[in-house]
PDB file of all heavy atoms in Angstrom:
ATOM      1  N   ILE A   1      58.995  -8.273 -48.840  1.00  0.00           N
ATOM      2  CA  ILE A   1      57.698  -8.898 -49.110  1.00  0.00           C
ATOM      3  C   ILE A   1      56.563  -7.883 -48.940  1.00  0.00           C
ATOM      4  O   ILE A   1      55.415  -8.250 -48.731  1.00  0.00           O
ATOM      5  CB  ILE A   1      57.466 -10.135 -48.209  1.00  0.00           C
ATOM      6  CG1 ILE A   1      57.616  -9.773 -46.729  1.00  0.00           C
ATOM      7  CG2 ILE A   1      58.417 -11.254 -48.592  1.00  0.00           C
ATOM      8  CD1 ILE A   1      57.236 -10.904 -45.779  1.00  0.00           C
ATOM      9  N   ASN A   2      56.914  -6.602 -49.022  1.00  0.00           N
ATOM     10  CA  ASN A   2      55.904  -5.550 -49.018  1.00  0.00           C
ATOM     11  C   ASN A   2      56.485  -4.350 -49.757  1.00  0.00           C
ATOM     12  O   ASN A   2      57.622  -4.389 -50.235  1.00  0.00           O
ATOM     13  CB  ASN A   2      55.494  -5.190 -47.584  1.00  0.00           C
ATOM     14  CG  ASN A   2      54.076  -4.642 -47.494  1.00  0.00           C
ATOM     15  OD1 ASN A   2      53.598  -3.980 -48.415  1.00  0.00           O
ATOM     16  ND2 ASN A   2      53.389  -4.910 -46.380  1.00  0.00           N
ATOM     17  N   LYS A   3      55.728  -3.285 -49.835  1.00  0.00           N
ATOM     18  CA  LYS A   3      56.155  -2.094 -50.553  1.00  0.00           C
ATOM     19  C   LYS A   3      57.502  -1.589 -50.039  1.00  0.00           C
ATOM     20  O   LYS A   3      57.715  -1.505 -48.827  1.00  0.00           O
ATOM     21  CB  LYS A   3      55.101  -0.988 -50.405  1.00  0.00           C
ATOM     22  CG  LYS A   3      53.754  -1.329 -51.014  1.00  0.00           C
ATOM     23  CD  LYS A   3      52.715  -0.277 -50.676  1.00  0.00           C
ATOM     24  CE  LYS A   3      51.369  -0.623 -51.294  1.00  0.00           C
ATOM     25  NZ  LYS A   3      50.324   0.354 -50.906  1.00  0.00           N
ATOM     26  N   VAL A   4      58.396  -1.235 -50.958  1.00  0.00           N
ATOM     27  CA  VAL A   4      59.706  -0.678 -50.601  1.00  0.00           C
ATOM     28  C   VAL A   4      59.617   0.837 -50.780  1.00  0.00           C
ATOM     29  O   VAL A   4      59.335   1.325 -51.869  1.00  0.00           O
ATOM     30  CB  VAL A   4      60.828  -1.259 -51.472  1.00  0.00           C
ATOM     31  CG1 VAL A   4      62.189  -0.820 -50.927  1.00  0.00           C
ATOM     32  CG2 VAL A   4      60.743  -2.781 -51.514  1.00  0.00           C
ATOM     33  N   ASN A   5      59.864   1.575 -49.709  1.00  0.00           N
ATOM     34  CA  ASN A   5      59.613   3.013 -49.724  1.00  0.00           C
ATOM     35  C   ASN A   5      60.849   3.879 -49.919  1.00  0.00           C
ATOM     36  O   ASN A   5      60.720   5.046 -50.288  1.00  0.00           O
ATOM     37  CB  ASN A   5      58.920   3.440 -48.424  1.00  0.00           C
ATOM     38  CG  ASN A   5      57.422   3.210 -48.466  1.00  0.00           C
ATOM     39  OD1 ASN A   5      56.838   3.094 -49.532  1.00  0.00           O
ATOM     40  ND2 ASN A   5      56.793   3.134 -47.303  1.00  0.00           N
ATOM     41  N   SER A   6      62.036   3.344 -49.648  1.00  0.00           N
ATOM     42  CA  SER A   6      63.212   4.218 -49.702  1.00  0.00           C
ATOM     43  C   SER A   6      64.472   3.412 -49.970  1.00  0.00           C
ATOM     44  O   SER A   6      64.609   2.266 -49.518  1.00  0.00           O
ATOM     45  CB  SER A   6      63.349   4.977 -48.370  1.00  0.00           C
ATOM     46  OG  SER A   6      64.365   5.954 -48.438  1.00  0.00           O
ATOM     47  N   VAL A   7      65.391   4.030 -50.737  1.00  0.00           N
ATOM     48  CA  VAL A   7      66.691   3.423 -51.028  1.00  0.00           C
ATOM     49  C   VAL A   7      67.751   4.511 -50.962  1.00  0.00           C
ATOM     50  O   VAL A   7      67.498   5.659 -51.348  1.00  0.00           O
ATOM     51  CB  VAL A   7      66.691   2.723 -52.405  1.00  0.00           C
ATOM     52  CG1 VAL A   7      66.358   3.719 -53.522  1.00  0.00           C
ATOM     53  CG2 VAL A   7      68.031   2.053 -52.696  1.00  0.00           C
ATOM     54  N   HIS A   8      68.943   4.151 -50.469  1.00  0.00           N
ATOM     55  CA  HIS A   8      70.035   5.125 -50.405  1.00  0.00           C
ATOM     56  C   HIS A   8      71.366   4.390 -50.492  1.00  0.00           C
ATOM     57  O   HIS A   8      71.577   3.379 -49.817  1.00  0.00           O
ATOM     58  CB  HIS A   8      69.972   5.916 -49.094  1.00  0.00           C
ATOM     59  CG  HIS A   8      70.888   7.107 -49.074  1.00  0.00           C
ATOM     60  ND1 HIS A   8      71.698   7.414 -48.001  1.00  0.00           N
ATOM     61  CD2 HIS A   8      71.154   8.060 -50.009  1.00  0.00           C
ATOM     62  CE1 HIS A   8      72.381   8.510 -48.268  1.00  0.00           C
ATOM     63  NE2 HIS A   8      72.075   8.916 -49.480  1.00  0.00           N
ATOM     64  N   TYR A   9      72.263   4.922 -51.338  1.00  0.00           N
ATOM     65  CA  TYR A   9      73.591   4.327 -51.521  1.00  0.00           C
ATOM     66  C   TYR A   9      74.544   4.701 -50.391  1.00  0.00           C
ATOM     67  O   TYR A   9      74.477   5.797 -49.831  1.00  0.00           O
ATOM     68  CB  TYR A   9      74.202   4.812 -52.831  1.00  0.00           C
ATOM     69  CG  TYR A   9      74.090   3.836 -53.982  1.00  0.00           C
ATOM     70  CD1 TYR A   9      73.136   4.006 -54.972  1.00  0.00           C
ATOM     71  CD2 TYR A   9      74.949   2.737 -54.086  1.00  0.00           C
ATOM     72  CE1 TYR A   9      73.032   3.128 -56.047  1.00  0.00           C
ATOM     73  CE2 TYR A   9      74.866   1.858 -55.145  1.00  0.00           C
ATOM     74  CZ  TYR A   9      73.905   2.047 -56.122  1.00  0.00           C
ATOM     75  OH  TYR A   9      73.812   1.173 -57.169  1.00  0.00           O
ATOM     76  N   SER A  10      75.463   3.791 -50.131  1.00  0.00           N
ATOM     77  CA  SER A  10      76.603   4.076 -49.250  1.00  0.00           C
ATOM     78  C   SER A  10      77.649   4.865 -50.033  1.00  0.00           C
ATOM     79  O   SER A  10      77.610   4.935 -51.265  1.00  0.00           O
ATOM     80  CB  SER A  10      77.205   2.765 -48.742  1.00  0.00           C
ATOM     81  OG  SER A  10      78.433   2.980 -48.081  1.00  0.00           O
ATOM     82  N   GLY A  11      78.594   5.447 -49.318  1.00  0.00           N
ATOM     83  CA  GLY A  11      79.662   6.209 -49.954  1.00  0.00           C
ATOM     84  C   GLY A  11      80.586   5.373 -50.812  1.00  0.00           C
ATOM     85  O   GLY A  11      81.327   5.915 -51.636  1.00  0.00           O
ATOM     86  N   ASP A  12      80.553   4.027 -50.640  1.00  0.00           N
ATOM     87  CA  ASP A  12      81.448   3.176 -51.428  1.00  0.00           C
ATOM     88  C   ASP A  12      80.884   2.842 -52.816  1.00  0.00           C
ATOM     89  O   ASP A  12      81.539   2.157 -53.611  1.00  0.00           O
ATOM     90  CB  ASP A  12      81.776   1.879 -50.675  1.00  0.00           C
ATOM     91  CG  ASP A  12      80.554   0.983 -50.450  1.00  0.00           C
ATOM     92  OD1 ASP A  12      79.453   1.314 -50.943  1.00  0.00           O
ATOM     93  OD2 ASP A  12      80.704  -0.046 -49.757  1.00  0.00           O
ATOM     94  N   SER A  13      79.676   3.315 -53.118  1.00  0.00           N
ATOM     95  CA  SER A  13      79.016   3.100 -54.413  1.00  0.00           C
ATOM     96  C   SER A  13      78.745   1.626 -54.712  1.00  0.00           C
ATOM     97  O   SER A  13      78.380   1.271 -55.834  1.00  0.00           O
ATOM     98  CB  SER A  13      79.837   3.704 -55.576  1.00  0.00           C
ATOM     99  OG  SER A  13      79.929   5.104 -55.430  1.00  0.00           O
ATOM    100  N   ARG A  14      78.895   0.789 -53.711  1.00  0.00           N
ATOM    101  CA  ARG A  14      78.642  -0.645 -53.896  1.00  0.00           C
ATOM    102  C   ARG A  14      77.424  -1.111 -53.092  1.00  0.00           C
ATOM    103  O   ARG A  14      76.601  -1.867 -53.594  1.00  0.00           O
ATOM    104  CB  ARG A  14      79.869  -1.461 -53.485  1.00  0.00           C
ATOM    105  CG  ARG A  14      79.643  -2.963 -53.581  1.00  0.00           C
ATOM    106  CD  ARG A  14      80.921  -3.748 -53.440  1.00  0.00           C
ATOM    107  NE  ARG A  14      80.689  -5.184 -53.606  1.00  0.00           N
ATOM    108  CZ  ARG A  14      81.636  -6.076 -53.770  1.00  0.00           C
ATOM    109  NH1 ARG A  14      82.921  -5.703 -53.794  1.00  0.00           N
ATOM    110  NH2 ARG A  14      81.348  -7.365 -53.917  1.00  0.00           N
ATOM    111  N   HIS A  15      77.323  -0.645 -51.872  1.00  0.00           N
ATOM    112  CA  HIS A  15      76.248  -1.089 -51.000  1.00  0.00           C
ATOM    113  C   HIS A  15      75.119  -0.052 -50.947  1.00  0.00           C
ATOM    114  O   HIS A  15      75.370   1.146 -51.053  1.00  0.00           O
ATOM    115  CB  HIS A  15      76.779  -1.363 -49.593  1.00  0.00           C
ATOM    116  CG  HIS A  15      77.784  -2.463 -49.543  1.00  0.00           C
ATOM    117  ND1 HIS A  15      79.142  -2.221 -49.669  1.00  0.00           N
ATOM    118  CD2 HIS A  15      77.640  -3.800 -49.421  1.00  0.00           C
ATOM    119  CE1 HIS A  15      79.796  -3.385 -49.617  1.00  0.00           C
ATOM    120  NE2 HIS A  15      78.904  -4.358 -49.461  1.00  0.00           N
ATOM    121  N   CYS A  16      73.908  -0.536 -50.772  1.00  0.00           N
ATOM    122  CA  CYS A  16      72.776   0.358 -50.550  1.00  0.00           C
ATOM    123  C   CYS A  16      71.879  -0.234 -49.475  1.00  0.00           C
ATOM    124  O   CYS A  16      71.945  -1.438 -49.185  1.00  0.00           O
ATOM    125  CB  CYS A  16      71.997   0.617 -51.843  1.00  0.00           C
ATOM    126  SG  CYS A  16      70.984  -0.769 -52.426  1.00  0.00           S
ATOM    127  N   VAL A  17      71.064   0.612 -48.888  1.00  0.00           N
ATOM    128  CA  VAL A  17      70.111   0.168 -47.875  1.00  0.00           C
ATOM    129  C   VAL A  17      68.711   0.487 -48.364  1.00  0.00           C
ATOM    130  O   VAL A  17      68.478   1.525 -49.004  1.00  0.00           O
ATOM    131  CB  VAL A  17      70.389   0.825 -46.499  1.00  0.00           C
ATOM    132  CG1 VAL A  17      70.259   2.345 -46.566  1.00  0.00           C
ATOM    133  CG2 VAL A  17      69.463   0.255 -45.422  1.00  0.00           C
ATOM    134  N   THR A  18      67.773  -0.415 -48.090  1.00  0.00           N
ATOM    135  CA  THR A  18      66.376  -0.203 -48.461  1.00  0.00           C
ATOM    136  C   THR A  18      65.491  -0.435 -47.239  1.00  0.00           C
ATOM    137  O   THR A  18      65.804  -1.241 -46.369  1.00  0.00           O
ATOM    138  CB  THR A  18      65.936  -1.158 -49.584  1.00  0.00           C
ATOM    139  OG1 THR A  18      66.198  -2.519 -49.186  1.00  0.00           O
ATOM    140  CG2 THR A  18      66.681  -0.861 -50.868  1.00  0.00           C
ATOM    141  N   GLY A  19      64.376   0.287 -47.206  1.00  0.00           N
ATOM    142  CA  GLY A  19      63.414   0.133 -46.119  1.00  0.00           C
ATOM    143  C   GLY A  19      62.047  -0.183 -46.690  1.00  0.00           C
ATOM    144  O   GLY A  19      61.609   0.432 -47.668  1.00  0.00           O
ATOM    145  N   SER A  20      61.355  -1.145 -46.078  1.00  0.00           N
ATOM    146  CA  SER A  20      60.087  -1.626 -46.610  1.00  0.00           C
ATOM    147  C   SER A  20      59.030  -1.719 -45.527  1.00  0.00           C
ATOM    148  O   SER A  20      59.331  -1.812 -44.324  1.00  0.00           O
ATOM    149  CB  SER A  20      60.296  -3.013 -47.246  1.00  0.00           C
ATOM    150  OG  SER A  20      59.074  -3.675 -47.492  1.00  0.00           O
ATOM    151  N   LEU A  21      57.769  -1.737 -45.963  1.00  0.00           N
ATOM    152  CA  LEU A  21      56.651  -1.913 -45.038  1.00  0.00           C
ATOM    153  C   LEU A  21      56.559  -3.346 -44.516  1.00  0.00           C
ATOM    154  O   LEU A  21      55.646  -3.663 -43.757  1.00  0.00           O
ATOM    155  CB  LEU A  21      55.339  -1.513 -45.713  1.00  0.00           C
ATOM    156  CG  LEU A  21      55.216  -0.043 -46.134  1.00  0.00           C
ATOM    157  CD1 LEU A  21      53.814   0.242 -46.656  1.00  0.00           C
ATOM    158  CD2 LEU A  21      55.537   0.892 -44.979  1.00  0.00           C
ATOM    159  N   ASP A  22      57.498  -4.204 -44.917  1.00  0.00           N
ATOM    160  CA  ASP A  22      57.558  -5.538 -44.303  1.00  0.00           C
ATOM    161  C   ASP A  22      58.294  -5.499 -42.961  1.00  0.00           C
ATOM    162  O   ASP A  22      58.476  -6.534 -42.313  1.00  0.00           O
ATOM    163  CB  ASP A  22      58.213  -6.556 -45.245  1.00  0.00           C
ATOM    164  CG  ASP A  22      59.664  -6.219 -45.602  1.00  0.00           C
ATOM    165  OD1 ASP A  22      60.244  -5.303 -44.983  1.00  0.00           O
ATOM    166  OD2 ASP A  22      60.223  -6.857 -46.512  1.00  0.00           O
ATOM    167  N   GLY A  23      58.706  -4.281 -42.548  1.00  0.00           N
ATOM    168  CA  GLY A  23      59.369  -4.137 -41.258  1.00  0.00           C
ATOM    169  C   GLY A  23      60.834  -4.514 -41.267  1.00  0.00           C
ATOM    170  O   GLY A  23      61.408  -4.860 -40.223  1.00  0.00           O
ATOM    171  N   LYS A  24      61.464  -4.431 -42.430  1.00  0.00           N
ATOM    172  CA  LYS A  24      62.880  -4.807 -42.541  1.00  0.00           C
ATOM    173  C   LYS A  24      63.672  -3.711 -43.252  1.00  0.00           C
ATOM    174  O   LYS A  24      63.192  -3.072 -44.186  1.00  0.00           O
ATOM    175  CB  LYS A  24      63.041  -6.100 -43.341  1.00  0.00           C
ATOM    176  CG  LYS A  24      62.332  -7.321 -42.775  1.00  0.00           C
ATOM    177  CD  LYS A  24      63.026  -7.867 -41.547  1.00  0.00           C
ATOM    178  CE  LYS A  24      62.533  -9.256 -41.178  1.00  0.00           C
ATOM    179  NZ  LYS A  24      61.081  -9.312 -40.914  1.00  0.00           N
ATOM    180  N   LEU A  25      64.904  -3.520 -42.775  1.00  0.00           N
ATOM    181  CA  LEU A  25      65.929  -2.836 -43.556  1.00  0.00           C
ATOM    182  C   LEU A  25      66.803  -3.925 -44.151  1.00  0.00           C
ATOM    183  O   LEU A  25      67.155  -4.884 -43.462  1.00  0.00           O
ATOM    184  CB  LEU A  25      66.811  -1.935 -42.680  1.00  0.00           C
ATOM    185  CG  LEU A  25      66.253  -0.659 -42.062  1.00  0.00           C
ATOM    186  CD1 LEU A  25      67.383   0.104 -41.389  1.00  0.00           C
ATOM    187  CD2 LEU A  25      65.571   0.202 -43.087  1.00  0.00           C
ATOM    188  N   ILE A  26      67.152  -3.781 -45.414  1.00  0.00           N
ATOM    189  CA  ILE A  26      68.091  -4.721 -46.025  1.00  0.00           C
ATOM    190  C   ILE A  26      69.259  -3.939 -46.596  1.00  0.00           C
ATOM    191  O   ILE A  26      69.074  -2.948 -47.305  1.00  0.00           O
ATOM    192  CB  ILE A  26      67.427  -5.564 -47.136  1.00  0.00           C
ATOM    193  CG1 ILE A  26      66.288  -6.402 -46.561  1.00  0.00           C
ATOM    194  CG2 ILE A  26      68.465  -6.473 -47.792  1.00  0.00           C
ATOM    195  CD1 ILE A  26      65.587  -7.290 -47.596  1.00  0.00           C
ATOM    196  N   ILE A  27      70.456  -4.372 -46.235  1.00  0.00           N
ATOM    197  CA  ILE A  27      71.677  -3.825 -46.828  1.00  0.00           C
ATOM    198  C   ILE A  27      72.101  -4.788 -47.929  1.00  0.00           C
ATOM    199  O   ILE A  27      72.242  -5.999 -47.709  1.00  0.00           O
ATOM    200  CB  ILE A  27      72.788  -3.669 -45.775  1.00  0.00           C
ATOM    201  CG1 ILE A  27      72.356  -2.654 -44.700  1.00  0.00           C
ATOM    202  CG2 ILE A  27      74.090  -3.207 -46.433  1.00  0.00           C
ATOM    203  CD1 ILE A  27      73.315  -2.544 -43.534  1.00  0.00           C
ATOM    204  N   TRP A  28      72.284  -4.240 -49.131  1.00  0.00           N
ATOM    205  CA  TRP A  28      72.564  -5.047 -50.317  1.00  0.00           C
ATOM    206  C   TRP A  28      73.973  -4.784 -50.841  1.00  0.00           C
ATOM    207  O   TRP A  28      74.474  -3.661 -50.765  1.00  0.00           O
ATOM    208  CB  TRP A  28      71.595  -4.706 -51.446  1.00  0.00           C
ATOM    209  CG  TRP A  28      70.146  -4.781 -51.113  1.00  0.00           C
ATOM    210  CD1 TRP A  28      69.376  -3.799 -50.566  1.00  0.00           C
ATOM    211  CD2 TRP A  28      69.266  -5.890 -51.336  1.00  0.00           C
ATOM    212  NE1 TRP A  28      68.074  -4.227 -50.429  1.00  0.00           N
ATOM    213  CE2 TRP A  28      67.975  -5.505 -50.894  1.00  0.00           C
ATOM    214  CE3 TRP A  28      69.447  -7.174 -51.880  1.00  0.00           C
ATOM    215  CZ2 TRP A  28      66.874  -6.359 -50.984  1.00  0.00           C
ATOM    216  CZ3 TRP A  28      68.351  -8.010 -51.967  1.00  0.00           C
ATOM    217  CH2 TRP A  28      67.083  -7.608 -51.519  1.00  0.00           C
TER     218      TRP A  28
END
């Protein structure tokens, strides 16, 4: 719910993590 500043894939090429100014990391 705020600007997303960074994304990075896991080694499995399926999951990624994102970090946002909403104070959350989300693993997708």
